[in-house]
Amino acid sequence: MVKSQSGNGEYLVTREFVKRRDAQHRHDWTCSCPDHTTRNVICKHIFAVQFSLKLKDDVEQGSNPNQLEATESSITCPHCKSTSIGKWGNRKTKFGIVQRYICQDCNYTFVVDKGFCKM
């Protein structure tokens, strides 16, 4: 179910697996919105579902635990650029618990920015 952009309702987006004789099997998308039912084109609701599924796959593939450990070992201090870093407890934010670090050279404490700094 995808909500209408104007907030007047929801549209049902489905994906059906279609077997063809020429071995070119594919997925057909359908939507209950007037744009798709009358014009038979891929509407914005189908694009939204496809984008959401692709984003989910990208996040699942990008969250490899081995990759996270490699990233953790390459942390540098944002203040003095030193690589001698230690863990220094956790910080509770509105998005969850975040690991804090301390620089062993300048005693600067910081949190690693994951791409959404101050957002």
C-alpha atoms as a PDB file:
ATOM      1  CA  MET A   1       0.000   0.000   0.000  1.00  0.00           C
ATOM      2  CA  VAL A   2       1.378   3.386  -1.047  1.00  0.00           C
ATOM      3  CA  LYS A   3      -0.162   6.566   0.325  1.00  0.00           C
ATOM      4  CA  SER A   4      -1.485   9.135  -2.102  1.00  0.00           C
ATOM      5  CA  GLN A   5       0.623  12.277  -2.383  1.00  0.00           C
ATOM      6  CA  SER A   6      -2.439  14.437  -1.744  1.00  0.00           C
ATOM      7  CA  GLY A   7      -3.361  12.339   1.297  1.00  0.00           C
ATOM      8  CA  ASN A   8      -6.746  11.276  -0.093  1.00  0.00           C
ATOM      9  CA  GLY A   9      -6.152   7.528   0.042  1.00  0.00           C
ATOM     10  CA  GLU A  10      -3.841   4.637  -0.664  1.00  0.00           C
ATOM     11  CA  TYR A  11      -3.010   2.646  -3.759  1.00  0.00           C
ATOM     12  CA  LEU A  12      -2.229  -1.058  -3.940  1.00  0.00           C
ATOM     13  CA  VAL A  13       1.012  -1.854  -5.763  1.00  0.00           C
ATOM     14  CA  THR A  14       1.609  -5.513  -6.620  1.00  0.00           C
ATOM     15  CA  ARG A  15       4.239  -7.488  -8.478  1.00  0.00           C
ATOM     16  CA  GLU A  16       3.364 -10.634 -10.387  1.00  0.00           C
ATOM     17  CA  PHE A  17       5.773 -13.182 -11.818  1.00  0.00           C
ATOM     18  CA  VAL A  18       4.905 -13.829 -15.471  1.00  0.00           C
ATOM     19  CA  LYS A  19       6.192 -16.935 -17.246  1.00  0.00           C
ATOM     20  CA  ARG A  20       6.561 -16.558 -20.971  1.00  0.00           C
ATOM     21  CA  ARG A  21       7.035 -19.155 -23.667  1.00  0.00           C
ATOM     22  CA  ASP A  22      10.289 -17.639 -24.896  1.00  0.00           C
ATOM     23  CA  ALA A  23      11.931 -18.168 -21.444  1.00  0.00           C
ATOM     24  CA  GLN A  24      12.005 -14.411 -20.840  1.00  0.00           C
ATOM     25  CA  HIS A  25      10.344 -14.549 -17.433  1.00  0.00           C
ATOM     26  CA  ARG A  26       9.710 -11.196 -15.780  1.00  0.00           C
ATOM     27  CA  HIS A  27       7.881  -9.349 -13.044  1.00  0.00           C
ATOM     28  CA  ASP A  28       4.890  -7.206 -13.996  1.00  0.00           C
ATOM     29  CA  TRP A  29       4.005  -4.324 -11.690  1.00  0.00           C
ATOM     30  CA  THR A  30       0.429  -3.154 -11.234  1.00  0.00           C
ATOM     31  CA  CYS A  31      -1.040  -0.233  -9.322  1.00  0.00           C
ATOM     32  CA  SER A  32      -4.622   0.668  -8.509  1.00  0.00           C
ATOM     33  CA  CYS A  33      -4.109   4.398  -9.227  1.00  0.00           C
ATOM     34  CA  PRO A  34      -5.979   6.024 -12.136  1.00  0.00           C
ATOM     35  CA  ASP A  35      -2.734   6.878 -13.955  1.00  0.00           C
ATOM     36  CA  HIS A  36      -1.655   3.245 -14.190  1.00  0.00           C
ATOM     37  CA  THR A  37      -5.107   1.766 -14.835  1.00  0.00           C
ATOM     38  CA  THR A  38      -6.018   4.154 -17.674  1.00  0.00           C
ATOM     39  CA  ARG A  39      -2.638   4.764 -19.342  1.00  0.00           C
ATOM     40  CA  ASN A  40      -0.969   1.437 -18.429  1.00  0.00           C
ATOM     41  CA  VAL A  41       2.388   3.100 -17.643  1.00  0.00           C
ATOM     42  CA  ILE A  42       4.701   2.751 -14.659  1.00  0.00           C
ATOM     43  CA  CYS A  43       3.382   5.321 -12.205  1.00  0.00           C
ATOM     44  CA  LYS A  44       5.124   7.141  -9.346  1.00  0.00           C
ATOM     45  CA  HIS A  45       3.730   4.639  -6.834  1.00  0.00           C
ATOM     46  CA  ILE A  46       5.453   1.736  -8.611  1.00  0.00           C
ATOM     47  CA  PHE A  47       8.668   3.767  -8.804  1.00  0.00           C
ATOM     48  CA  ALA A  48       8.400   4.429  -5.055  1.00  0.00           C
ATOM     49  CA  VAL A  49       8.083   0.712  -4.262  1.00  0.00           C
ATOM     50  CA  GLN A  50      10.947  -0.207  -6.611  1.00  0.00           C
ATOM     51  CA  PHE A  51      13.142   2.492  -5.043  1.00  0.00           C
ATOM     52  CA  SER A  52      12.283   1.283  -1.539  1.00  0.00           C
ATOM     53  CA  LEU A  53      13.141  -2.329  -2.389  1.00  0.00           C
ATOM     54  CA  LYS A  54      16.431  -1.299  -4.024  1.00  0.00           C
ATOM     55  CA  LEU A  55      17.338   0.857  -1.035  1.00  0.00           C
ATOM     56  CA  LYS A  56      16.602  -2.035   1.333  1.00  0.00           C
ATOM     57  CA  ASP A  57      18.860  -4.365  -0.691  1.00  0.00           C
ATOM     58  CA  ASP A  58      21.660  -1.778  -0.783  1.00  0.00           C
ATOM     59  CA  VAL A  59      21.517  -1.310   2.988  1.00  0.00           C
ATOM     60  CA  GLU A  60      21.514  -5.064   3.638  1.00  0.00           C
ATOM     61  CA  GLN A  61      24.501  -5.588   1.354  1.00  0.00           C
ATOM     62  CA  GLY A  62      26.370  -2.626   2.837  1.00  0.00           C
ATOM     63  CA  SER A  63      26.018  -3.748   6.459  1.00  0.00           C
ATOM     64  CA  ASN A  64      28.609  -6.508   6.344  1.00  0.00           C
ATOM     65  CA  PRO A  65      30.024  -7.050   9.897  1.00  0.00           C
ATOM     66  CA  ASN A  66      33.551  -7.618   8.558  1.00  0.00           C
ATOM     67  CA  GLN A  67      33.372  -4.298   6.752  1.00  0.00           C
ATOM     68  CA  LEU A  68      32.286  -2.527   9.955  1.00  0.00           C
ATOM     69  CA  GLU A  69      35.311  -3.876  11.863  1.00  0.00           C
ATOM     70  CA  ALA A  70      37.653  -2.636   9.125  1.00  0.00           C
ATOM     71  CA  THR A  71      36.077   0.806   9.293  1.00  0.00           C
ATOM     72  CA  GLU A  72      36.390   0.902  13.070  1.00  0.00           C
ATOM     73  CA  SER A  73      40.135   0.259  12.945  1.00  0.00           C
ATOM     74  CA  SER A  74      40.710   3.184  10.538  1.00  0.00           C
ATOM     75  CA  ILE A  75      39.184   5.859  12.804  1.00  0.00           C
ATOM     76  CA  THR A  76      41.259   9.014  13.221  1.00  0.00           C
ATOM     77  CA  CYS A  77      40.872  11.873  15.664  1.00  0.00           C
ATOM     78  CA  PRO A  78      39.077  14.844  14.048  1.00  0.00           C
ATOM     79  CA  HIS A  79      41.101  17.215  16.264  1.00  0.00           C
ATOM     80  CA  CYS A  80      44.729  16.055  15.832  1.00  0.00           C
ATOM     81  CA  LYS A  81      44.385  13.314  13.121  1.00  0.00           C
ATOM     82  CA  SER A  82      46.003  10.697  15.384  1.00  0.00           C
ATOM     83  CA  THR A  83      45.189   7.014  14.896  1.00  0.00           C
ATOM     84  CA  SER A  84      45.666   5.990  18.549  1.00  0.00           C
ATOM     85  CA  ILE A  85      41.978   5.873  19.450  1.00  0.00           C
ATOM     86  CA  GLY A  86      40.178   4.095  22.285  1.00  0.00           C
ATOM     87  CA  LYS A  87      36.522   3.440  23.040  1.00  0.00           C
ATOM     88  CA  TRP A  88      35.057   5.822  25.622  1.00  0.00           C
ATOM     89  CA  GLY A  89      31.544   4.630  26.479  1.00  0.00           C
ATOM     90  CA  ASN A  90      28.311   5.235  24.625  1.00  0.00           C
ATOM     91  CA  ARG A  91      26.195   8.252  23.831  1.00  0.00           C
ATOM     92  CA  LYS A  92      22.410   8.051  23.795  1.00  0.00           C
ATOM     93  CA  THR A  93      20.791   9.983  20.944  1.00  0.00           C
ATOM     94  CA  LYS A  94      17.224  10.115  19.694  1.00  0.00           C
ATOM     95  CA  PHE A  95      18.232   7.630  16.960  1.00  0.00           C
ATOM     96  CA  GLY A  96      19.847   5.094  19.293  1.00  0.00           C
ATOM     97  CA  ILE A  97      23.047   4.421  21.165  1.00  0.00           C
ATOM     98  CA  VAL A  98      26.268   5.592  19.468  1.00  0.00           C
ATOM     99  CA  GLN A  99      29.831   4.540  20.321  1.00  0.00           C
ATOM    100  CA  ARG A 100      32.038   7.359  21.698  1.00  0.00           C
ATOM    101  CA  TYR A 101      35.809   7.430  21.205  1.00  0.00           C
ATOM    102  CA  ILE A 102      38.739   9.200  22.872  1.00  0.00           C
ATOM    103  CA  CYS A 103      42.021  10.200  21.315  1.00  0.00           C
ATOM    104  CA  GLN A 104      44.896   8.857  23.425  1.00  0.00           C
ATOM    105  CA  ASP A 105      47.183  11.700  22.313  1.00  0.00           C
ATOM    106  CA  CYS A 106      45.046  14.823  22.897  1.00  0.00           C
ATOM    107  CA  ASN A 107      42.200  13.388  25.085  1.00  0.00           C
ATOM    108  CA  TYR A 108      39.576  14.667  22.628  1.00  0.00           C
ATOM    109  CA  THR A 109      36.285  12.731  22.812  1.00  0.00           C
ATOM    110  CA  PHE A 110      34.152  12.345  19.687  1.00  0.00           C
ATOM    111  CA  VAL A 111      31.547  10.291  17.850  1.00  0.00           C
ATOM    112  CA  VAL A 112      32.216   8.967  14.341  1.00  0.00           C
ATOM    113  CA  ASP A 113      30.089  10.739  11.740  1.00  0.00           C
ATOM    114  CA  LYS A 114      28.141   8.243   9.606  1.00  0.00           C
ATOM    115  CA  GLY A 115      27.201  10.746   6.910  1.00  0.00           C
ATOM    116  CA  PHE A 116      24.355  12.587   8.657  1.00  0.00           C
ATOM    117  CA  CYS A 117      26.287  15.025  10.824  1.00  0.00           C
ATOM    118  CA  LYS A 118      24.050  17.643  12.526  1.00  0.00           C
ATOM    119  CA  MET A 119      20.945  16.492  10.641  1.00  0.00           C
END
